[in-house]
Structures are given as C-alpha cells and as structure tokens.
C-alpha cells in the first residue's frame, strides 16, 4: 500500500505521444515515483492527456513545464532529434533527466548532455526499460559468474511492422530509421555483454523511399575476440531474441521491455559444449519496464550510482558511437573502424 506521506520523485513528461501514455500507466502503481505534469505544444492536447491519464498539471509549452518547481525530474520521449536540446534545457532548469533511447542523435550530442549534467549537478540517464527487468539482471549475473565461459559470439535480433509511413520513424530529419529505433536495443545488449564498444563494424541495409533504413544487419568486432551480429527491422513480424555463445555453453533469451507481472521470461542456459549438454530453463519474473526503470532512476538520485540498473554514461556514449558507425557502414557498404 502506498504511503501518502512519502516523498516520491515527481516526474514531468515532455510530449503527449503514445509512449508517454505507456510510461504514465507503467509507473502509476509505484510507491517511489509519480508523474505530476505533462507538456505539449498544444495546450488542449496536454489537458486532454492529463485528464485521461490522471496527471495533475498540463502545460502548453515545454518551457513552462521546466519552470515548475514541483517537478523534480523530466522524462524525455520526444523525437530522437530533440533529445539533446530539451534534455539540456531541462538540466539547466535544475531537473534530473531520464531520456528515452537513443540518448541523442550523435555521440557528440550525448557528450554535451553529460557535460551539462555535470556542470549543473543533475542526473542524466538513458532509458532502456529492459535493462531494469529481472531477466537482464539475471543475464548479467550469469555472465559475470562465468556460467558459459568466455563469450565468443552473439546474435541479437528485433523487428516489427510499422504500416503508417507518416510515423516519425520514417522521417530522416527526426533521426528516424530502424537502427535508431529498434536497433538501439540489440546494440545496447551487445554492449552489455561485451563490456566495451566494438572496434569495427560492417553493415548492410534496405532503405525506405524516405531515406531511412527499414531493415539493417551488422557485424560487430570487439577487442578480446567477441564477434556479434545484430539485426533490426520495421517491416517484419514481431520478434526480439538473443543467443549468446561462450567457451563453456550458451544462453538463449528474449529481452522485452515489458511482460505481464504474472508471467516470466525464461533464460535457456546450456552448460557444456556438446550436443547432449543439459539445458536449464531459468524463469524470472515479468513486470513493467517503465516502472522498474523509473524506480531505479529514483534510487540513483537518492542513493547513488550503484543503485542504477540501466546503461551508464560511458555505455550510452559507446552505444551512439556504434550506431553512428553502423549507419556509416550501411551507407558506404564498407567496414568502419571505431576509434578507441
């Protein structure tokens, strides 16, 4: 039961798109965070969103929300091209920021964002809901314990279908495309498993008439020998799966953002290198990734960095360096090196 006297982290949302509705619904049961305000460039839209989602305050501009002293932190789910600008403005207004993936359109923007957060003593993190879920935490535990030995290869795939070509993901001016949306997930998962960014990538893509990639595959070479493959698409059936192979076994798993609380996400762990090695099924609880992520963000602010379960600032920059290199490779159809 919620304690009405407890001080929750009060979050304001920039924008009233569907993802904002999903975020509000996800965090609503939380004892430690609450959404108290929303802003839209259309005040009528903001008021309608607030009424329909139980949010107290509605603003007709992002600037107005940032001046609200009753808001502690901002959730920024704006189009990718606006992440840097409005996250920095929020930081300069004294707010902590939880920004949707990808953190920015470029690694240079991400570095500027973290520099602003450091200057103003505010907290900035990138939101990958799956990272705060029990299955991702269990995966990290297995890898750190050496359950499958030294990881040699991995594949991570994700795809779905977007039929509406007016969707912002098809707009290159808004940093759209399959890679900058869906592809951020497998790239981030590879970074989680590898523990460092790749040194070289080679990618191929099919392109939409608007100029964005609609399906993309890439190979990633890492220091220490790990070879990874990622794929992403906006024109396939829904899938989201990974296989990680090490010198002593394999792990197969999904990495969803959300799953029903009464269900589980299983990790299939094969300990051993032969065909007849036993496969162990490790079910872990489901849950809403937005809630898990937001509560972890609150603990980060209140208790310190060791309480954050998501991507670190270094990881976020590495992810963007990798995304930029993959896109460059897909356009040129040539390998691209990533400088150390």
Protein backbone atom coordinates (compact mmCIF):
# COMPACT_ATOMS: atom_id res chain seq x y z
CA UNK A 1 0.00 0.00 0.00
CA UNK A 2 1.26 3.47 -0.86
CA UNK A 3 2.29 5.77 1.98
CA UNK A 4 0.54 9.12 1.26
CA UNK A 5 3.16 10.93 3.32
CA UNK A 6 6.16 9.52 1.44
CA UNK A 7 8.03 11.91 -0.86
CA UNK A 8 8.03 10.46 -4.33
CA UNK A 9 10.18 11.56 -7.23
CA UNK A 10 7.88 13.91 -9.16
CA UNK A 11 8.26 13.48 -12.90
CA UNK A 12 7.12 15.76 -15.70
CA UNK A 13 6.81 14.46 -19.27
CA UNK A 14 7.77 16.36 -22.42
CA UNK A 15 5.21 15.46 -25.06
CA UNK A 16 1.91 13.61 -25.09
CA UNK A 17 2.58 10.79 -27.56
CA UNK A 18 1.59 7.15 -27.04
CA UNK A 19 4.88 6.29 -25.34
CA UNK A 20 4.14 8.97 -22.73
CA UNK A 21 0.79 7.31 -22.00
CA UNK A 22 2.52 3.96 -21.61
CA UNK A 23 5.08 5.49 -19.24
CA UNK A 24 2.35 7.00 -17.04
CA UNK A 25 0.48 3.70 -16.90
CA UNK A 26 3.67 1.84 -16.08
CA UNK A 27 4.73 3.99 -13.13
CA UNK A 28 1.23 4.54 -11.70
CA UNK A 29 1.47 1.69 -9.12
CA UNK A 30 4.87 2.88 -7.86
CA UNK A 31 5.48 3.92 -4.27
CA UNK A 32 8.55 5.98 -5.13
CA UNK A 33 7.82 7.83 -8.38
CA UNK A 34 4.80 9.63 -9.82
CA UNK A 35 4.02 11.61 -12.96
CA UNK A 36 2.71 15.01 -11.88
CA UNK A 37 2.85 17.09 -15.08
CA UNK A 38 2.81 16.87 -18.85
CA UNK A 39 3.63 19.42 -21.54
CA UNK A 40 2.62 19.64 -25.18
CA UNK A 41 2.95 22.40 -27.76
CA UNK A 42 -0.86 22.15 -27.92
CA UNK A 43 -2.42 23.03 -24.55
CA UNK A 44 -5.68 21.30 -25.45
CA UNK A 45 -3.76 18.10 -26.15
CA UNK A 46 -1.87 18.44 -22.87
CA UNK A 47 -5.09 18.96 -20.89
CA UNK A 48 -6.75 16.01 -22.59
CA UNK A 49 -3.73 13.82 -21.87
CA UNK A 50 -3.70 14.91 -18.22
CA UNK A 51 -7.42 14.23 -17.77
CA UNK A 52 -7.25 10.82 -19.42
CA UNK A 53 -4.14 9.70 -17.55
CA UNK A 54 -4.66 11.16 -14.07
CA UNK A 55 -1.87 13.73 -14.33
CA UNK A 56 -2.34 16.85 -12.19
CA UNK A 57 -0.75 19.62 -14.26
CA UNK A 58 -0.82 20.33 -18.00
CA UNK A 59 1.29 22.89 -19.84
CA UNK A 60 1.08 24.33 -23.34
CA UNK A 61 4.86 24.51 -23.82
CA UNK A 62 7.90 22.54 -22.75
CA UNK A 63 9.43 25.70 -21.28
CA UNK A 64 6.51 26.13 -18.88
CA UNK A 65 6.94 22.63 -17.53
CA UNK A 66 10.64 23.17 -16.93
CA UNK A 67 9.87 26.15 -14.69
CA UNK A 68 7.53 24.17 -12.43
CA UNK A 69 9.24 23.94 -9.02
CA UNK A 70 7.06 20.97 -8.09
CA UNK A 71 8.72 18.82 -10.79
CA UNK A 72 11.94 17.06 -9.75
CA UNK A 73 12.77 15.21 -12.95
CA UNK A 74 11.89 15.08 -16.63
CA UNK A 75 11.07 12.06 -18.77
CA UNK A 76 12.01 12.96 -22.34
CA UNK A 77 10.35 10.76 -25.02
CA UNK A 78 10.47 13.40 -27.77
CA UNK A 79 11.68 12.51 -31.29
CA UNK A 80 15.36 11.50 -31.36
CA UNK A 81 16.45 14.77 -32.94
CA UNK A 82 15.08 16.72 -29.94
CA UNK A 83 16.57 14.62 -27.15
CA UNK A 84 19.75 16.64 -26.73
CA UNK A 85 18.20 20.11 -26.92
CA UNK A 86 15.39 19.55 -24.46
CA UNK A 87 17.35 17.33 -22.07
CA UNK A 88 20.00 20.05 -21.77
CA UNK A 89 17.32 22.70 -21.27
CA UNK A 90 15.77 20.59 -18.52
CA UNK A 91 19.15 20.11 -16.84
CA UNK A 92 19.81 23.86 -17.00
CA UNK A 93 16.41 24.37 -15.36
CA UNK A 94 17.55 22.22 -12.45
CA UNK A 95 15.79 18.98 -13.38
CA UNK A 96 17.14 15.44 -13.44
CA UNK A 97 16.51 13.77 -16.80
CA UNK A 98 15.54 10.26 -17.82
CA UNK A 99 15.75 10.36 -21.62
CA UNK A 100 14.34 7.75 -23.98
CA UNK A 101 16.72 5.76 -26.12
CA UNK A 102 18.71 6.64 -28.14
CA UNK A 103 20.04 9.26 -25.76
CA UNK A 104 20.78 11.59 -28.68
CA UNK A 105 21.21 11.64 -32.44
CA UNK A 106 25.03 11.58 -32.17
CA UNK A 107 27.74 10.73 -29.67
CA UNK A 108 28.85 14.38 -29.69
CA UNK A 109 25.38 15.42 -28.54
CA UNK A 110 25.44 12.79 -25.81
CA UNK A 111 28.76 14.07 -24.52
CA UNK A 112 27.36 17.61 -24.44
CA UNK A 113 24.38 16.34 -22.46
CA UNK A 114 26.51 14.60 -19.85
CA UNK A 115 28.78 17.65 -19.61
CA UNK A 116 25.72 19.81 -18.90
CA UNK A 117 24.55 17.38 -16.23
CA UNK A 118 27.96 17.50 -14.57
CA UNK A 119 28.07 21.32 -14.67
CA UNK A 120 24.66 21.63 -13.06
CA UNK A 121 25.00 18.68 -10.65
CA UNK A 122 21.99 16.93 -12.15
CA UNK A 123 21.47 13.28 -13.06
CA UNK A 124 21.04 12.22 -16.68
CA UNK A 125 20.47 8.66 -17.85
CA UNK A 126 19.27 6.88 -20.98
CA UNK A 127 16.12 4.79 -20.74
CA UNK A 128 16.26 1.16 -21.83
CA UNK A 129 13.37 -0.43 -19.88
CA UNK A 130 14.57 -3.98 -20.46
CA UNK A 131 17.83 -3.22 -18.63
CA UNK A 132 15.99 -2.82 -15.31
CA UNK A 133 13.98 -6.00 -15.74
CA UNK A 134 14.79 -9.18 -13.75
CA UNK A 135 15.76 -11.10 -16.90
CA UNK A 136 18.51 -8.59 -17.82
CA UNK A 137 19.80 -8.57 -14.26
CA UNK A 138 19.87 -12.39 -14.23
CA UNK A 139 21.67 -12.41 -17.58
CA UNK A 140 24.37 -10.14 -16.18
CA UNK A 141 24.70 -12.38 -13.13
CA UNK A 142 25.16 -15.47 -15.31
CA UNK A 143 27.78 -13.81 -17.50
CA UNK A 144 29.72 -12.40 -14.54
CA UNK A 145 29.74 -15.81 -12.84
CA UNK A 146 31.27 -17.42 -15.92
CA UNK A 147 28.27 -19.69 -16.47
CA UNK A 148 29.06 -20.04 -20.19
CA UNK A 149 32.75 -19.21 -20.10
CA UNK A 150 34.29 -16.52 -22.26
CA UNK A 151 31.73 -15.18 -24.73
CA UNK A 152 32.81 -15.76 -28.34
CA UNK A 153 29.76 -14.91 -30.44
CA UNK A 154 26.28 -13.49 -30.02
CA UNK A 155 23.30 -12.59 -32.15
CA UNK A 156 20.59 -10.17 -31.11
CA UNK A 157 17.55 -9.52 -33.29
CA UNK A 158 14.46 -7.33 -33.12
CA UNK A 159 11.73 -6.49 -35.58
CA UNK A 160 8.13 -5.42 -36.03
CA UNK A 161 5.94 -3.82 -38.67
CA UNK A 162 5.04 -0.13 -38.91
CA UNK A 163 2.41 0.31 -41.60
CA UNK A 164 1.90 4.08 -41.28
CA UNK A 165 4.55 5.86 -43.38
CA UNK A 166 3.66 9.11 -41.57
CA UNK A 167 5.20 7.61 -38.41
CA UNK A 168 8.18 9.67 -37.18
CA UNK A 169 10.42 6.61 -37.53
CA UNK A 170 10.27 7.12 -41.31
CA UNK A 171 11.44 10.74 -41.04
CA UNK A 172 15.21 11.19 -41.55
CA UNK A 173 15.04 14.77 -40.24
CA UNK A 174 13.96 13.37 -36.85
CA UNK A 175 16.81 10.80 -36.77
CA UNK A 176 14.42 8.03 -37.71
CA UNK A 177 15.07 4.59 -39.13
CA UNK A 178 15.07 1.01 -37.92
CA UNK A 179 18.53 1.25 -36.36
CA UNK A 180 17.89 4.45 -34.40
CA UNK A 181 14.67 2.99 -33.02
CA UNK A 182 14.53 -0.80 -32.76
CA UNK A 183 18.25 -1.28 -33.38
CA UNK A 184 19.25 0.58 -30.26
CA UNK A 185 18.10 -2.44 -28.25
CA UNK A 186 20.34 -5.15 -29.75
CA UNK A 187 23.26 -2.70 -29.93
CA UNK A 188 22.82 -1.92 -26.24
CA UNK A 189 22.54 -5.62 -25.41
CA UNK A 190 25.80 -6.34 -27.25
CA UNK A 191 27.45 -3.51 -25.29
CA UNK A 192 26.13 -5.01 -22.05
CA UNK A 193 27.52 -8.46 -22.87
CA UNK A 194 30.84 -7.26 -24.32
CA UNK A 195 31.56 -4.72 -21.59
CA UNK A 196 33.10 -2.39 -24.15
CA UNK A 197 32.33 -0.89 -27.53
CA UNK A 198 33.31 -2.61 -30.79
CA UNK A 199 36.39 -1.59 -32.73
CA UNK A 200 34.94 -2.32 -36.18
CA UNK A 201 31.52 -2.74 -37.75
CA UNK A 202 30.23 -3.80 -41.15
CA UNK A 203 26.56 -3.26 -42.01
CA UNK A 204 24.03 -3.67 -44.79
CA UNK A 205 20.57 -2.16 -45.04
CA UNK A 206 17.48 -1.92 -47.18
CA UNK A 207 16.24 1.63 -47.49
CA UNK A 208 12.79 3.19 -47.44
CA UNK A 209 11.87 5.80 -50.05
CA UNK A 210 12.05 8.46 -47.32
CA UNK A 211 15.77 7.80 -46.92
CA UNK A 212 15.81 5.87 -43.64
CA UNK A 213 16.89 2.27 -43.19
CA UNK A 214 13.91 -0.04 -42.82
CA UNK A 215 15.88 -3.27 -42.28
CA UNK A 216 19.51 -3.48 -41.21
CA UNK A 217 22.02 -6.15 -40.25
CA UNK A 218 25.51 -5.57 -38.90
CA UNK A 219 28.57 -7.45 -37.68
CA UNK A 220 30.50 -6.02 -34.73
CA UNK A 221 34.11 -6.91 -33.87
CA UNK A 222 35.28 -6.38 -30.29
CA UNK A 223 38.63 -6.29 -28.51
CA UNK A 224 39.24 -9.67 -26.92
CA UNK A 225 37.70 -11.60 -29.80
CA UNK A 226 33.91 -11.29 -29.36
CA UNK A 227 32.11 -11.24 -32.72
CA UNK A 228 28.49 -10.10 -32.61
CA UNK A 229 25.66 -9.73 -35.09
CA UNK A 230 22.61 -7.51 -34.76
CA UNK A 231 19.52 -7.17 -36.93
CA UNK A 232 16.58 -4.80 -36.80
CA UNK A 233 13.57 -4.11 -38.97
CA UNK A 234 10.37 -2.09 -39.23
CA UNK A 235 8.85 -4.41 -41.86
CA UNK A 236 8.87 -7.89 -40.29
CA UNK A 237 6.81 -9.96 -37.92
CA UNK A 238 7.35 -9.22 -34.25
CA UNK A 239 10.48 -10.83 -32.81
CA UNK A 240 13.02 -9.98 -30.11
CA UNK A 241 15.53 -12.67 -29.23
CA UNK A 242 19.21 -13.18 -28.46
CA UNK A 243 21.66 -16.08 -28.33
CA UNK A 244 24.99 -15.75 -26.55
CA UNK A 245 27.65 -18.44 -27.05
CA UNK A 246 30.70 -18.87 -24.86
CA UNK A 247 33.55 -21.33 -24.45
CA UNK A 248 31.55 -23.31 -21.88
CA UNK A 249 27.94 -23.02 -23.01
CA UNK A 250 25.16 -20.87 -24.42
CA UNK A 251 22.29 -18.65 -23.30
CA UNK A 252 19.15 -18.02 -25.31
CA UNK A 253 16.76 -15.34 -24.11
CA UNK A 254 14.30 -12.66 -25.01
CA UNK A 255 14.93 -9.13 -23.77
CA UNK A 256 11.49 -7.48 -23.69
CA UNK A 257 10.78 -4.10 -22.17
CA UNK A 258 7.60 -5.36 -20.52
CA UNK A 259 5.85 -8.60 -19.71
CA UNK A 260 2.77 -9.34 -17.59
CA UNK A 261 3.63 -9.39 -13.86
CA UNK A 262 2.19 -12.89 -13.52
CA UNK A 263 4.30 -14.30 -16.36
CA UNK A 264 8.01 -14.93 -16.72
CA UNK A 265 10.80 -14.55 -19.23
CA UNK A 266 12.89 -17.70 -19.42
CA UNK A 267 16.61 -17.88 -19.99
CA UNK A 268 17.66 -21.15 -21.62
CA UNK A 269 21.12 -21.93 -20.26
CA UNK A 270 23.16 -24.78 -21.76
CA UNK A 271 26.21 -25.52 -19.61
CA UNK A 272 28.64 -27.54 -21.69
CA UNK A 273 29.90 -27.67 -25.25
CA UNK A 274 28.41 -30.93 -26.55
CA UNK A 275 25.06 -31.50 -28.29
CA UNK A 276 23.75 -33.55 -25.37
CA UNK A 277 24.62 -30.99 -22.70
CA UNK A 278 21.63 -30.35 -20.45
CA UNK A 279 19.60 -27.20 -20.98
CA UNK A 280 18.41 -25.44 -17.84
CA UNK A 281 15.37 -23.20 -18.01
CA UNK A 282 15.64 -20.26 -15.62
CA UNK A 283 12.33 -18.39 -15.36
CA UNK A 284 12.50 -14.86 -13.98
CA UNK A 285 9.55 -12.64 -13.04
CA UNK A 286 7.90 -10.34 -15.54
CA UNK A 287 6.95 -6.74 -14.92
CA UNK A 288 6.63 -3.30 -16.42
CA UNK A 289 9.98 -1.97 -17.59
CA UNK A 290 8.95 1.69 -17.30
CA UNK A 291 8.21 1.22 -13.61
CA UNK A 292 11.40 -0.75 -12.96
CA UNK A 293 13.47 1.85 -14.82
CA UNK A 294 11.84 4.85 -13.12
CA UNK A 295 12.22 3.33 -9.66
CA UNK A 296 15.85 2.56 -10.36
CA UNK A 297 16.31 6.17 -11.51
CA UNK A 298 14.80 7.39 -8.25
CA UNK A 299 17.20 5.22 -6.25
CA UNK A 300 20.11 6.52 -8.34
CA UNK A 301 19.22 10.11 -7.47
CA UNK A 302 18.55 9.39 -3.81
CA UNK A 303 21.18 6.75 -3.02
CA UNK A 304 23.88 6.88 -5.69
CA UNK A 305 25.13 5.35 -8.98
CA UNK A 306 25.42 1.80 -7.67
CA UNK A 307 21.62 1.67 -7.43
CA UNK A 308 21.08 2.33 -11.15
CA UNK A 309 20.40 -0.82 -13.18
CA UNK A 310 20.49 0.77 -16.64
CA UNK A 311 23.13 2.00 -19.05
CA UNK A 312 26.00 4.03 -17.60
CA UNK A 313 27.05 7.32 -19.22
CA UNK A 314 30.04 5.53 -20.78
CA UNK A 315 27.76 2.84 -22.21
CA UNK A 316 25.39 5.44 -23.66
CA UNK A 317 28.21 7.21 -25.48
CA UNK A 318 29.59 3.87 -26.71
CA UNK A 319 26.15 2.88 -28.00
CA UNK A 320 25.88 6.08 -30.02
CA UNK A 321 29.40 5.72 -31.40
CA UNK A 322 28.41 2.24 -32.52
CA UNK A 323 25.11 3.38 -34.04
CA UNK A 324 26.88 6.13 -35.99
CA UNK A 325 29.49 3.70 -37.30
CA UNK A 326 26.85 1.15 -38.30
CA UNK A 327 24.88 3.75 -40.26
CA UNK A 328 28.04 4.98 -41.97
CA UNK A 329 28.93 1.42 -42.92
CA UNK A 330 25.42 0.67 -44.20
CA UNK A 331 25.53 3.75 -46.43
CA UNK A 332 29.00 3.03 -47.79
CA UNK A 333 28.70 -0.79 -47.71
CA UNK A 334 32.24 -0.78 -46.32
CA UNK A 335 33.64 -1.68 -42.86
CA UNK A 336 34.00 1.26 -40.45
CA UNK A 337 36.51 1.43 -37.60
CA UNK A 338 35.55 2.96 -34.24
CA UNK A 339 38.45 4.79 -32.63
CA UNK A 340 39.41 3.93 -29.06
